[in-house]
Amino acid sequence: MEDFLMRINGSPVPALDGRTIPVLNPATGDQVATIPGGSADDVHRAVAAAGESFPKWKKTTMRERGKILFSAAQSVRQHAGELARLLTIEQGKPLREATDEIRGFCNVLEYYAAASAQPLDQFIDLGSSGSAVVRQEPLGTCAAIIPWNMPAIIMGWKTAPALLAGNTLVLKPSATAPLTVLRLAGFLEEAGIPPGVLNVVTGTGGEAGDALVKEKEIQALSFTGSSETGRGVCALASDRGIPVTLELGGSDPMVVMPDADIDAAVKGAVNGRFYNAGQVCTAVKRLFVHEAIADEFVQKLTDAVAALRFGNGLDPDVRMGPLNNRAGYDHIRSIVESVTDRTEGKIQKSGKPAKDLNRKGLFHPPTLVTDVSPSSRILAEEVFGPVLPVVTVPDLETAIASANSSPYGLGASVWTHDTRVINEFYSRVHAGIVWVNRHVSVPPEIPFGGTKASGTGRENGKYALLHYTRSKTLYYGA
């Protein structure tokens, strides 16, 4: 077992009061590390360190900041194997998925490193009225709260644009998956991030998280988490008038039309639902299949899910790991039990458990639900785990209405080759991103975020950079 420390002002430090929190391996239930249980005082010293380092960091050029991000990405790539193993141990996902996530973190840093060659400032020629220069200036000390499901990639989404824009940053990772975030912060420091520019405070959301949101010196906030917590975060940010990005989850629909490539769509549904044990904001959470192909599709989907091996993510043959934490595991079980108790669908638990499956692990088998009642909670709530409801629809109109029936609006996918269907679906479905013949993929170049209960603001690309800046105009008279 290893003790991890927070990173404040370029140094690893314990909590001021010495409190620690255990980090458990969800595949075994074993304690693998401890982290400091950060308090409001720890958050305050991190914010103070960030504030002190801001004036000097602001004066560096985007090119200089970009070079540091690129150097960090190269170093992380060299250590991808050990970082992926650490991520699997604390989060639970299969090693191949953890490796992809570490590489995804590097992709994000490299994208923003390349973006550093394109200044954000703009010159506007107003003809006989003169001209103007619009400068994008950094905001100051910013804050980011990172969830446990994809900690490395979401750290990249929040850290790279904030730092590239010239801000300093205080991160608060989840208490159940903080270890990889702490290691990655160390690589950024080794690459040249000055002390105080990037700080990581560990602790619970109720203490360290709340304290960070309430810090008066924070100039912008990015939060990824539950809708309930996000609403409170938004209220606090609104009271102070600071910009906020909220990514609050989703209940993404996948719609399969009669002309779809059925084999490709089945593969997409399996990957889109059971990747990371279904613990992905943009996972396929509601599957709507046209009645003309429903029988064939459901049979092939059933066979594909039955072949999934689940177990400890360190096992190279495992396709699906455990759920990350007890609360999430209990919630998924309660949803499945509710569907059974109320006769709201037919439950089909499937998959192949690994031979050495640890009974103390938080394993829930990949599960299909057919003959789903329209009023079932499995269609109304965000199901953050490996349970997939399958609903037959008679036409596109019904599919779109069903897709929009959720309070969420993060992502959606349609599987078809009909451009008319694609355009209709894209125009009418409530979602921040619509995929065609694919699902889940979010490269760093494209904006990511949702509508309705899925939040506000956008991660990735130039959109995230602009979130971390304010415009200032210089107007020249003719």
Foldseek 3Di string as FASTA:
>chain_A
DEEFAWAAQRDGDAAPVRAWDFAAFQQFRDTDYIYHAHFLVNLVRLLVLQQVCQVVLQPDALLVLLQLLLQLLVVLLVVLQVLLVLLCRLFPAASVLSSVLSNLLSLLSNVSSVVSVPAPKDKAQPDQFFIKIKHWAFQEEAEEEAESLRRRNVCSLQPRLLSSRRYAYEYEYAQRRCPSVRVSVNSSVVSPDGGSRYTYDYHHCVGSVVSNLQDLRHQEYEYEEALVVVVVSVVSCVVNVHYYFYQHAFAAEEEEEPAFPLVLVLVQLCCQQCRSQNQDRFRNQEYEYAPVCVVVNVVVNVVVLQAAEEHGSHPNNHNHTAGNDDVLLVVLVVLVVQCVVVVQWDKDFHYHYDPPRHPSRRHGGQIETENGHLPRVSLADRNRGRYYYYHYDHDLVVSQVSQQPYQWAFEYEYGHPDVVSVVVSVVRHFHPYYYYSHTDDDRQQDWGFGDGSRTDFTTHHVRSSSSRTDMDMDGDGD
